[in-house]
Every structure is written in structure tokens, then in C-alpha cells.
Amino acid sequence: MAIEIIVLLIAVLAVIAVYYILKSAKHLIVNTILGLILLAAVNIFFNLGIAYSPLALLVCAIGGIPGAILVILLHQLGVAFL
């Protein structure tokens, strides 16, 4: 009887933990998608010539909108992503 209660408590704690992880992951996914869209839109509309290298996409995917702005600024300053 005690084992079943312990297993039930562990299952409830696991469900609560997964809920909070997925709740925060939703914001990260939205920020990532918006960052990639911002990079593509600015690159297309202003014809900046930023190459979609794996590093540029990774910075945008991890940083989201601030990452996209960072890639654009570094490209404009001639520091990186040429």
C-alpha cells in the first residue's frame, strides 16, 4: 500500500514538472520563431546580404529577437556574418 502511494506522488510531481517545463518552452519557441522571421524579413526587405550560415541561425534560434538584432548589427558593422 505504501509503495503505491509513493509511486502516485512521484507521478504527480513528474506531471507538475513537465507542465512547468512545457509552459516555459512555449515562450522560448515563440521567441525563436520570431527571431528567425525577423532575420529573414530584414534580410529580404533591406537586401543586407546576410548569409544564413549555421552560426547565424544558431544565434537567432538561441537568442530570438535580440539574437537576430545582434546578427544584423554585427553584419552592418562588418564584424561577423559577412
N, C-alpha and C. Protein backbone atom coordinates (compact mmCIF):
# COMPACT_ATOMS: atom_id res chain seq x y z
N MET A 1 0.81 -1.19 0.00
CA MET A 1 0.00 0.00 0.00
C MET A 1 0.86 1.26 0.00
N ALA A 2 1.93 1.26 0.74
CA ALA A 2 2.79 2.44 0.82
C ALA A 2 3.52 2.68 -0.49
N ILE A 3 3.87 1.61 -1.19
CA ILE A 3 4.58 1.74 -2.45
C ILE A 3 3.70 2.42 -3.50
N GLU A 4 2.42 2.06 -3.51
CA GLU A 4 1.50 2.67 -4.47
C GLU A 4 1.34 4.17 -4.23
N ILE A 5 1.30 4.57 -2.97
CA ILE A 5 1.17 5.99 -2.65
C ILE A 5 2.43 6.74 -3.06
N ILE A 6 3.59 6.14 -2.83
CA ILE A 6 4.85 6.78 -3.23
C ILE A 6 4.92 6.92 -4.74
N VAL A 7 4.55 5.89 -5.47
CA VAL A 7 4.56 5.93 -6.94
C VAL A 7 3.57 6.99 -7.43
N LEU A 8 2.41 7.09 -6.80
CA LEU A 8 1.41 8.09 -7.18
C LEU A 8 1.95 9.50 -6.94
N LEU A 9 2.60 9.74 -5.82
CA LEU A 9 3.17 11.04 -5.54
C LEU A 9 4.27 11.40 -6.53
N ILE A 10 5.10 10.43 -6.88
CA ILE A 10 6.16 10.67 -7.86
C ILE A 10 5.56 11.00 -9.22
N ALA A 11 4.49 10.31 -9.59
CA ALA A 11 3.83 10.58 -10.87
C ALA A 11 3.22 11.98 -10.90
N VAL A 12 2.60 12.38 -9.80
CA VAL A 12 2.02 13.72 -9.72
C VAL A 12 3.11 14.78 -9.81
N LEU A 13 4.22 14.59 -9.12
CA LEU A 13 5.33 15.54 -9.19
C LEU A 13 5.92 15.60 -10.59
N ALA A 14 5.99 14.46 -11.27
CA ALA A 14 6.51 14.43 -12.64
C ALA A 14 5.59 15.21 -13.58
N VAL A 15 4.28 15.07 -13.42
CA VAL A 15 3.33 15.79 -14.26
C VAL A 15 3.45 17.30 -14.02
N ILE A 16 3.59 17.70 -12.77
CA ILE A 16 3.74 19.12 -12.45
C ILE A 16 5.03 19.66 -13.06
N ALA A 17 6.13 18.91 -12.96
CA ALA A 17 7.41 19.35 -13.52
C ALA A 17 7.34 19.49 -15.03
N VAL A 18 6.73 18.53 -15.71
CA VAL A 18 6.59 18.60 -17.17
C VAL A 18 5.73 19.79 -17.57
N TYR A 19 4.69 20.07 -16.81
CA TYR A 19 3.83 21.22 -17.10
C TYR A 19 4.63 22.52 -17.07
N TYR A 20 5.42 22.72 -16.04
CA TYR A 20 6.19 23.97 -15.93
C TYR A 20 7.29 24.05 -16.99
N ILE A 21 7.88 22.92 -17.34
CA ILE A 21 8.90 22.92 -18.40
C ILE A 21 8.28 23.29 -19.75
N LEU A 22 7.14 22.69 -20.06
CA LEU A 22 6.48 23.00 -21.34
C LEU A 22 5.93 24.42 -21.36
N LYS A 23 5.50 24.93 -20.21
CA LYS A 23 5.00 26.29 -20.14
C LYS A 23 6.10 27.29 -20.48
N SER A 24 7.30 27.07 -19.97
CA SER A 24 8.40 27.98 -20.28
C SER A 24 8.95 27.72 -21.68
N ALA A 25 8.86 26.51 -22.17
CA ALA A 25 9.35 26.20 -23.51
C ALA A 25 8.52 26.89 -24.58
N LYS A 26 7.25 27.11 -24.30
CA LYS A 26 6.38 27.79 -25.27
C LYS A 26 6.89 29.19 -25.57
N HIS A 27 7.31 29.91 -24.55
CA HIS A 27 7.83 31.26 -24.76
C HIS A 27 9.15 31.22 -25.53
N LEU A 28 9.97 30.24 -25.26
CA LEU A 28 11.24 30.12 -25.97
C LEU A 28 11.02 29.81 -27.45
N ILE A 29 10.07 28.94 -27.73
CA ILE A 29 9.78 28.58 -29.12
C ILE A 29 9.24 29.78 -29.89
N VAL A 30 8.35 30.54 -29.28
CA VAL A 30 7.79 31.73 -29.94
C VAL A 30 8.89 32.75 -30.20
N ASN A 31 9.76 32.98 -29.21
CA ASN A 31 10.85 33.94 -29.37
C ASN A 31 11.82 33.48 -30.47
N THR A 32 12.09 32.19 -30.55
CA THR A 32 12.97 31.65 -31.58
C THR A 32 12.38 31.87 -32.97
N ILE A 33 11.11 31.56 -33.13
CA ILE A 33 10.46 31.72 -34.44
C ILE A 33 10.42 33.19 -34.85
N LEU A 34 10.12 34.07 -33.90
CA LEU A 34 10.08 35.50 -34.23
C LEU A 34 11.46 36.02 -34.59
N GLY A 35 12.50 35.53 -33.93
CA GLY A 35 13.85 35.95 -34.26
C GLY A 35 14.26 35.52 -35.66
N LEU A 36 13.93 34.30 -36.03
CA LEU A 36 14.26 33.82 -37.38
C LEU A 36 13.46 34.56 -38.45
N ILE A 37 12.20 34.85 -38.16
CA ILE A 37 11.39 35.61 -39.10
C ILE A 37 11.93 37.03 -39.25
N LEU A 38 12.34 37.64 -38.14
CA LEU A 38 12.91 38.99 -38.19
C LEU A 38 14.18 39.02 -39.04
N LEU A 39 15.05 38.05 -38.84
CA LEU A 39 16.29 37.99 -39.63
C LEU A 39 15.98 37.85 -41.11
N ALA A 40 15.06 36.96 -41.46
CA ALA A 40 14.72 36.76 -42.86
C ALA A 40 14.05 37.99 -43.46
N ALA A 41 13.14 38.61 -42.71
CA ALA A 41 12.42 39.78 -43.23
C ALA A 41 13.36 40.96 -43.46
N VAL A 42 14.23 41.22 -42.49
CA VAL A 42 15.17 42.34 -42.65
C VAL A 42 16.13 42.05 -43.80
N ASN A 43 16.56 40.81 -43.92
CA ASN A 43 17.49 40.44 -44.98
C ASN A 43 16.84 40.58 -46.36
N ILE A 44 15.56 40.26 -46.46
CA ILE A 44 14.87 40.35 -47.74
C ILE A 44 14.51 41.80 -48.08
N PHE A 45 13.90 42.52 -47.12
CA PHE A 45 13.40 43.86 -47.41
C PHE A 45 14.51 44.90 -47.58
N PHE A 46 15.59 44.76 -46.80
CA PHE A 46 16.68 45.73 -46.89
C PHE A 46 17.86 45.22 -47.69
N ASN A 47 17.75 44.01 -48.23
CA ASN A 47 18.78 43.41 -49.07
C ASN A 47 20.18 43.53 -48.44
N LEU A 48 20.31 43.04 -47.21
CA LEU A 48 21.56 43.17 -46.48
C LEU A 48 22.60 42.15 -46.89
N GLY A 49 22.19 41.04 -47.41
CA GLY A 49 23.14 40.02 -47.84
C GLY A 49 23.71 39.20 -46.70
N ILE A 50 22.97 39.07 -45.63
CA ILE A 50 23.42 38.24 -44.51
C ILE A 50 23.27 36.78 -44.92
N ALA A 51 24.37 36.05 -44.85
CA ALA A 51 24.34 34.62 -45.20
C ALA A 51 23.66 33.85 -44.08
N TYR A 52 22.82 32.90 -44.46
CA TYR A 52 22.15 32.06 -43.48
C TYR A 52 23.07 30.90 -43.10
N SER A 53 24.15 31.23 -42.44
CA SER A 53 25.10 30.20 -42.01
C SER A 53 24.56 29.51 -40.76
N PRO A 54 25.07 28.32 -40.47
CA PRO A 54 24.62 27.63 -39.25
C PRO A 54 24.83 28.47 -37.99
N LEU A 55 25.92 29.23 -37.94
CA LEU A 55 26.19 30.06 -36.76
C LEU A 55 25.18 31.19 -36.63
N ALA A 56 24.84 31.85 -37.73
CA ALA A 56 23.86 32.93 -37.69
C ALA A 56 22.49 32.40 -37.28
N LEU A 57 22.11 31.26 -37.82
CA LEU A 57 20.82 30.67 -37.46
C LEU A 57 20.81 30.20 -36.02
N LEU A 58 21.93 29.70 -35.53
CA LEU A 58 22.02 29.26 -34.14
C LEU A 58 21.90 30.44 -33.18
N VAL A 59 22.55 31.55 -33.51
CA VAL A 59 22.45 32.74 -32.67
C VAL A 59 21.00 33.24 -32.64
N CYS A 60 20.33 33.22 -33.78
CA CYS A 60 18.93 33.64 -33.83
C CYS A 60 18.02 32.65 -33.11
N ALA A 61 18.32 31.38 -33.23
CA ALA A 61 17.49 30.37 -32.58
C ALA A 61 17.62 30.43 -31.06
N ILE A 62 18.82 30.64 -30.57
CA ILE A 62 19.03 30.70 -29.13
C ILE A 62 18.63 32.06 -28.57
N GLY A 63 18.99 33.12 -29.28
CA GLY A 63 18.73 34.47 -28.78
C GLY A 63 17.37 35.03 -29.12
N GLY A 64 16.71 34.48 -30.13
CA GLY A 64 15.41 35.00 -30.53
C GLY A 64 15.54 36.37 -31.18
N ILE A 65 14.67 37.29 -30.79
CA ILE A 65 14.68 38.63 -31.36
C ILE A 65 15.98 39.38 -31.04
N PRO A 66 16.45 39.36 -29.78
CA PRO A 66 17.74 40.01 -29.52
C PRO A 66 18.90 39.37 -30.30
N GLY A 67 18.83 38.07 -30.52
CA GLY A 67 19.86 37.39 -31.31
C GLY A 67 19.84 37.84 -32.76
N ALA A 68 18.65 38.02 -33.31
CA ALA A 68 18.53 38.49 -34.69
C ALA A 68 19.07 39.92 -34.82
N ILE A 69 18.75 40.76 -33.84
CA ILE A 69 19.26 42.13 -33.86
C ILE A 69 20.78 42.12 -33.75
N LEU A 70 21.32 41.24 -32.93
CA LEU A 70 22.77 41.12 -32.79
C LEU A 70 23.42 40.71 -34.10
N VAL A 71 22.84 39.74 -34.79
CA VAL A 71 23.39 39.30 -36.08
C VAL A 71 23.35 40.43 -37.09
N ILE A 72 22.25 41.17 -37.12
CA ILE A 72 22.12 42.28 -38.07
C ILE A 72 23.14 43.37 -37.76
N LEU A 73 23.28 43.72 -36.49
CA LEU A 73 24.24 44.76 -36.12
C LEU A 73 25.67 44.35 -36.41
N LEU A 74 26.03 43.10 -36.08
CA LEU A 74 27.38 42.64 -36.35
C LEU A 74 27.67 42.59 -37.84
N HIS A 75 26.66 42.26 -38.63
CA HIS A 75 26.83 42.26 -40.09
C HIS A 75 27.03 43.69 -40.61
N GLN A 76 26.22 44.61 -40.10
CA GLN A 76 26.32 46.00 -40.55
C GLN A 76 27.64 46.64 -40.16
N LEU A 77 28.17 46.25 -39.00
CA LEU A 77 29.44 46.80 -38.56
C LEU A 77 30.65 46.10 -39.20
N GLY A 78 30.39 45.03 -39.93
CA GLY A 78 31.46 44.31 -40.61
C GLY A 78 32.27 43.43 -39.70
N VAL A 79 31.73 43.07 -38.56
CA VAL A 79 32.46 42.26 -37.60
C VAL A 79 32.29 40.77 -37.88
N ALA A 80 31.06 40.36 -38.16
CA ALA A 80 30.78 38.94 -38.37
C ALA A 80 29.61 38.77 -39.32
N PHE A 81 29.37 37.54 -39.71
CA PHE A 81 28.25 37.15 -40.59
C PHE A 81 28.29 37.88 -41.92
N LEU A 82 29.46 37.96 -42.50
CA LEU A 82 29.62 38.64 -43.79
C LEU A 82 29.27 37.76 -44.95
